[in-house]
Amino acid sequence: MVNWIQGMPLGRKFKALVTHDGVFSMAGQMSSDEIYFPEHDFGGKFWENQKKWLRFDPSNHLDKWATPQLIIHSEKDYRLTMGEGLAAFNVLQERGVESQFLTFPDENHWVLKPENSLLWHTVVLDFINTKVGLPTYSSQNNLAKKLKEKSFCS
C-alpha cells in the first residue's frame, strides 16, 4: 500500500515513507508463491481481469514518486519477491528521490530473528527521525549503532 501511496497526492503529505516487502507491480505478483490472494481479491487471473489488477498498481504512478522512502525487503520472501523491492528502490534512485534499501538475506516475509528485528527497528526509526527533525535512535543506543554499522543497509 505504501508504494501506491507514494504515487498519489497523499504521498506528498508525509515527510518519509517506509515499505516492508511491498508490491511494486501487480503483474509482478505472478512470481509470488501465494497467487491465490490477488486472484481472490481481483476476481480471477491477471489476464482475465487485468483492469481490476492494475487499478491499484503502484508502477502506474512512478512519475509522481517524490517522498523520501526506505525500502526493506527480505531475500527469502517468496510472497513478494526481491525484485519488487529492488524495482521500487531503483525507481527512487533514478528519480533522485532520497532513498535507502535494507535487505535481510536470512529472513522471509517476516523478520523473526531478534538481532534482525533490532536492526529493522533501528533503521526504520533512524530513517524517520532524520526526516522529522528528531535525533536518530542509533545515536542514543550503542548496540543499535553497532548493528546498523554492520548491516546490509545502503
C-alpha atoms as a PDB file:
ATOM      1  CA  MET A   1       0.000   0.000   0.000  1.00  0.00           C
ATOM      2  CA  VAL A   2       2.840   2.416   0.767  1.00  0.00           C
ATOM      3  CA  ASN A   3       4.248   2.136  -2.757  1.00  0.00           C
ATOM      4  CA  TRP A   4       0.802   3.039  -4.109  1.00  0.00           C
ATOM      5  CA  ILE A   5       0.534   5.974  -1.664  1.00  0.00           C
ATOM      6  CA  GLN A   6       3.937   7.182  -2.932  1.00  0.00           C
ATOM      7  CA  GLY A   7       2.383   7.844  -6.360  1.00  0.00           C
ATOM      8  CA  MET A   8      -0.689   9.642  -5.013  1.00  0.00           C
ATOM      9  CA  PRO A   9      -1.130  13.234  -3.726  1.00  0.00           C
ATOM     10  CA  LEU A  10      -1.401  11.665  -0.252  1.00  0.00           C
ATOM     11  CA  GLY A  11       2.258  10.654  -0.574  1.00  0.00           C
ATOM     12  CA  ARG A  12       3.327  14.321  -0.516  1.00  0.00           C
ATOM     13  CA  LYS A  13       1.726  14.800   2.921  1.00  0.00           C
ATOM     14  CA  PHE A  14       4.383  12.625   4.565  1.00  0.00           C
ATOM     15  CA  LYS A  15       7.997  13.540   5.281  1.00  0.00           C
ATOM     16  CA  ALA A  16       9.057   9.910   4.804  1.00  0.00           C
ATOM     17  CA  LEU A  17       7.634   6.562   3.755  1.00  0.00           C
ATOM     18  CA  VAL A  18       8.682   3.042   4.738  1.00  0.00           C
ATOM     19  CA  THR A  19       7.846  -0.066   2.704  1.00  0.00           C
ATOM     20  CA  HIS A  20       8.428  -3.543   4.111  1.00  0.00           C
ATOM     21  CA  ASP A  21       8.194  -6.318   1.494  1.00  0.00           C
ATOM     22  CA  GLY A  22       5.864  -4.203  -0.625  1.00  0.00           C
ATOM     23  CA  VAL A  23       4.209  -4.622  -4.004  1.00  0.00           C
ATOM     24  CA  PHE A  24       5.829  -2.689  -6.835  1.00  0.00           C
ATOM     25  CA  SER A  25       3.908  -4.114  -9.786  1.00  0.00           C
ATOM     26  CA  MET A  26       0.707  -6.130  -9.864  1.00  0.00           C
ATOM     27  CA  ALA A  27       1.999  -8.067 -12.874  1.00  0.00           C
ATOM     28  CA  GLY A  28       5.000  -8.930 -10.681  1.00  0.00           C
ATOM     29  CA  GLN A  29       2.632 -10.771  -8.377  1.00  0.00           C
ATOM     30  CA  MET A  30       2.632 -13.572 -10.930  1.00  0.00           C
ATOM     31  CA  SER A  31       6.008 -14.591  -9.436  1.00  0.00           C
ATOM     32  CA  SER A  32       4.520 -14.966  -5.947  1.00  0.00           C
ATOM     33  CA  ASP A  33       4.149 -18.308  -4.248  1.00  0.00           C
ATOM     34  CA  GLU A  34       0.772 -17.064  -2.967  1.00  0.00           C
ATOM     35  CA  ILE A  35      -1.012 -16.162  -6.199  1.00  0.00           C
ATOM     36  CA  TYR A  36      -4.283 -17.095  -4.503  1.00  0.00           C
ATOM     37  CA  PHE A  37      -4.601 -13.709  -2.783  1.00  0.00           C
ATOM     38  CA  PRO A  38      -4.528 -11.380  -5.796  1.00  0.00           C
ATOM     39  CA  GLU A  39      -6.647 -13.811  -7.806  1.00  0.00           C
ATOM     40  CA  HIS A  40      -9.197 -13.861  -4.998  1.00  0.00           C
ATOM     41  CA  ASP A  41      -9.088 -10.102  -4.356  1.00  0.00           C
ATOM     42  CA  PHE A  42      -9.317  -9.151  -8.041  1.00  0.00           C
ATOM     43  CA  GLY A  43     -11.823 -11.811  -9.075  1.00  0.00           C
ATOM     44  CA  GLY A  44      -9.717 -14.004 -11.316  1.00  0.00           C
ATOM     45  CA  LYS A  45      -6.484 -14.424 -13.159  1.00  0.00           C
ATOM     46  CA  PHE A  46      -4.416 -11.422 -14.294  1.00  0.00           C
ATOM     47  CA  TRP A  47      -5.273 -11.902 -17.969  1.00  0.00           C
ATOM     48  CA  GLU A  48      -8.978 -12.317 -17.178  1.00  0.00           C
ATOM     49  CA  ASN A  49      -9.373  -9.202 -15.012  1.00  0.00           C
ATOM     50  CA  GLN A  50      -6.398  -7.059 -15.930  1.00  0.00           C
ATOM     51  CA  LYS A  51      -8.307  -3.812 -15.335  1.00  0.00           C
ATOM     52  CA  LYS A  52      -9.031  -4.757 -11.710  1.00  0.00           C
ATOM     53  CA  TRP A  53      -5.462  -5.952 -11.130  1.00  0.00           C
ATOM     54  CA  LEU A  54      -3.979  -2.713 -12.488  1.00  0.00           C
ATOM     55  CA  ARG A  55      -6.340  -0.311 -10.703  1.00  0.00           C
ATOM     56  CA  PHE A  56      -4.081  -0.133  -7.646  1.00  0.00           C
ATOM     57  CA  ASP A  57      -0.765  -0.908  -9.363  1.00  0.00           C
ATOM     58  CA  PRO A  58       1.976   1.307  -7.847  1.00  0.00           C
ATOM     59  CA  SER A  59       4.043   1.079 -11.043  1.00  0.00           C
ATOM     60  CA  ASN A  60       1.353   3.053 -12.907  1.00  0.00           C
ATOM     61  CA  HIS A  61       2.242   6.186 -10.924  1.00  0.00           C
ATOM     62  CA  LEU A  62       6.053   6.231 -10.896  1.00  0.00           C
ATOM     63  CA  ASP A  63       6.185   9.715 -12.410  1.00  0.00           C
ATOM     64  CA  LYS A  64       4.852  11.080  -9.104  1.00  0.00           C
ATOM     65  CA  TRP A  65       7.218   9.319  -6.699  1.00  0.00           C
ATOM     66  CA  ALA A  66       8.928  12.107  -4.741  1.00  0.00           C
ATOM     67  CA  THR A  67       8.812  11.456  -0.970  1.00  0.00           C
ATOM     68  CA  PRO A  68      11.941  10.074   0.768  1.00  0.00           C
ATOM     69  CA  GLN A  69      11.454   6.346   1.204  1.00  0.00           C
ATOM     70  CA  LEU A  70      13.055   3.400   2.963  1.00  0.00           C
ATOM     71  CA  ILE A  71      12.591   0.073   1.168  1.00  0.00           C
ATOM     72  CA  ILE A  72      13.002  -3.096   3.240  1.00  0.00           C
ATOM     73  CA  HIS A  73      12.947  -6.485   1.555  1.00  0.00           C
ATOM     74  CA  SER A  74      13.972  -9.988   2.579  1.00  0.00           C
ATOM     75  CA  GLU A  75      15.657 -12.389   0.191  1.00  0.00           C
ATOM     76  CA  LYS A  76      13.684 -15.443   1.316  1.00  0.00           C
ATOM     77  CA  ASP A  77      10.323 -13.746   0.835  1.00  0.00           C
ATOM     78  CA  TYR A  78       8.604 -15.715  -1.903  1.00  0.00           C
ATOM     79  CA  ARG A  79       5.269 -13.969  -1.333  1.00  0.00           C
ATOM     80  CA  LEU A  80       6.743 -10.699  -2.578  1.00  0.00           C
ATOM     81  CA  THR A  81       9.971 -11.492  -4.356  1.00  0.00           C
ATOM     82  CA  MET A  82      13.169  -9.465  -4.038  1.00  0.00           C
ATOM     83  CA  GLY A  83      12.599  -7.977  -7.489  1.00  0.00           C
ATOM     84  CA  GLU A  84       9.646  -5.986  -6.110  1.00  0.00           C
ATOM     85  CA  GLY A  85      11.853  -4.239  -3.548  1.00  0.00           C
ATOM     86  CA  LEU A  86      14.738  -3.686  -5.950  1.00  0.00           C
ATOM     87  CA  ALA A  87      12.431  -2.226  -8.591  1.00  0.00           C
ATOM     88  CA  ALA A  88      10.962   0.275  -6.120  1.00  0.00           C
ATOM     89  CA  PHE A  89      14.422   1.270  -4.880  1.00  0.00           C
ATOM     90  CA  ASN A  90      15.779   1.622  -8.416  1.00  0.00           C
ATOM     91  CA  VAL A  91      12.904   3.914  -9.401  1.00  0.00           C
ATOM     92  CA  LEU A  92      13.518   6.111  -6.359  1.00  0.00           C
ATOM     93  CA  GLN A  93      17.230   6.288  -7.173  1.00  0.00           C
ATOM     94  CA  GLU A  94      16.606   7.028 -10.863  1.00  0.00           C
ATOM     95  CA  ARG A  95      14.171   9.800  -9.928  1.00  0.00           C
ATOM     96  CA  GLY A  96      16.691  11.327  -7.496  1.00  0.00           C
ATOM     97  CA  VAL A  97      14.416  10.705  -4.505  1.00  0.00           C
ATOM     98  CA  GLU A  98      16.251  10.282  -1.223  1.00  0.00           C
ATOM     99  CA  SER A  99      16.003   6.570  -0.513  1.00  0.00           C
ATOM    100  CA  GLN A 100      17.571   3.734   1.369  1.00  0.00           C
ATOM    101  CA  PHE A 101      17.435  -0.051   0.893  1.00  0.00           C
ATOM    102  CA  LEU A 102      17.691  -2.593   3.711  1.00  0.00           C
ATOM    103  CA  THR A 103      17.756  -6.302   2.959  1.00  0.00           C
ATOM    104  CA  PHE A 104      17.743  -9.385   5.132  1.00  0.00           C
ATOM    105  CA  PRO A 105      19.349 -12.345   3.313  1.00  0.00           C
ATOM    106  CA  ASP A 106      18.220 -14.786   6.018  1.00  0.00           C
ATOM    107  CA  GLU A 107      14.587 -13.730   6.544  1.00  0.00           C
ATOM    108  CA  ASN A 108      11.314 -14.378   4.724  1.00  0.00           C
ATOM    109  CA  HIS A 109       8.191 -12.182   4.700  1.00  0.00           C
ATOM    110  CA  TRP A 110       8.551 -11.746   8.456  1.00  0.00           C
ATOM    111  CA  VAL A 111      11.675 -10.556  10.269  1.00  0.00           C
ATOM    112  CA  LEU A 112      11.833 -13.099  13.079  1.00  0.00           C
ATOM    113  CA  LYS A 113      15.424 -13.239  14.321  1.00  0.00           C
ATOM    114  CA  PRO A 114      15.953 -10.967  17.366  1.00  0.00           C
ATOM    115  CA  GLU A 115      19.124  -9.306  16.037  1.00  0.00           C
ATOM    116  CA  ASN A 116      17.445  -8.651  12.676  1.00  0.00           C
ATOM    117  CA  SER A 117      14.369  -7.257  14.411  1.00  0.00           C
ATOM    118  CA  LEU A 118      16.526  -4.832  16.380  1.00  0.00           C
ATOM    119  CA  LEU A 119      18.261  -3.764  13.168  1.00  0.00           C
ATOM    120  CA  TRP A 120      14.883  -3.368  11.394  1.00  0.00           C
ATOM    121  CA  HIS A 121      13.564  -1.092  14.130  1.00  0.00           C
ATOM    122  CA  THR A 122      16.826   0.876  14.359  1.00  0.00           C
ATOM    123  CA  VAL A 123      16.971   1.577  10.619  1.00  0.00           C
ATOM    124  CA  VAL A 124      13.266   2.493  10.444  1.00  0.00           C
ATOM    125  CA  LEU A 125      13.449   4.831  13.454  1.00  0.00           C
ATOM    126  CA  ASP A 126      16.680   6.428  12.212  1.00  0.00           C
ATOM    127  CA  PHE A 127      15.223   6.998   8.738  1.00  0.00           C
ATOM    128  CA  ILE A 128      12.009   8.540  10.035  1.00  0.00           C
ATOM    129  CA  ASN A 129      13.658  10.541  12.813  1.00  0.00           C
ATOM    130  CA  THR A 130      16.073  12.239  10.427  1.00  0.00           C
ATOM    131  CA  LYS A 131      13.148  13.339   8.250  1.00  0.00           C
ATOM    132  CA  VAL A 132      11.101  14.779  11.118  1.00  0.00           C
ATOM    133  CA  GLY A 133      13.958  16.533  12.907  1.00  0.00           C
ATOM    134  CA  LEU A 134      14.486  14.112  15.792  1.00  0.00           C
ATOM    135  CA  PRO A 135      17.808  12.593  16.895  1.00  0.00           C
ATOM    136  CA  THR A 136      18.491   9.171  15.447  1.00  0.00           C
ATOM    137  CA  TYR A 137      17.700   6.176  17.601  1.00  0.00           C
ATOM    138  CA  SER A 138      21.141   4.681  16.932  1.00  0.00           C
ATOM    139  CA  SER A 139      22.856   7.812  18.262  1.00  0.00           C
ATOM    140  CA  GLN A 140      21.124   7.153  21.573  1.00  0.00           C
ATOM    141  CA  ASN A 141      21.662   3.387  21.667  1.00  0.00           C
ATOM    142  CA  ASN A 142      25.146   1.865  21.386  1.00  0.00           C
ATOM    143  CA  LEU A 143      24.032  -1.680  20.463  1.00  0.00           C
ATOM    144  CA  ALA A 144      21.708  -0.352  17.764  1.00  0.00           C
ATOM    145  CA  LYS A 145      24.516   1.788  16.334  1.00  0.00           C
ATOM    146  CA  LYS A 146      26.852  -1.230  16.102  1.00  0.00           C
ATOM    147  CA  LEU A 147      24.163  -3.330  14.408  1.00  0.00           C
ATOM    148  CA  LYS A 148      23.410  -0.657  11.864  1.00  0.00           C
ATOM    149  CA  GLU A 149      27.088  -0.218  11.019  1.00  0.00           C
ATOM    150  CA  LYS A 150      27.433  -3.890  10.034  1.00  0.00           C
ATOM    151  CA  SER A 151      24.100  -4.180   8.202  1.00  0.00           C
ATOM    152  CA  PHE A 152      23.165  -4.582   4.556  1.00  0.00           C
ATOM    153  CA  CYS A 153      21.730  -1.090   4.512  1.00  0.00           C
ATOM    154  CA  SER A 154      22.645   1.254   1.670  1.00  0.00           C
END
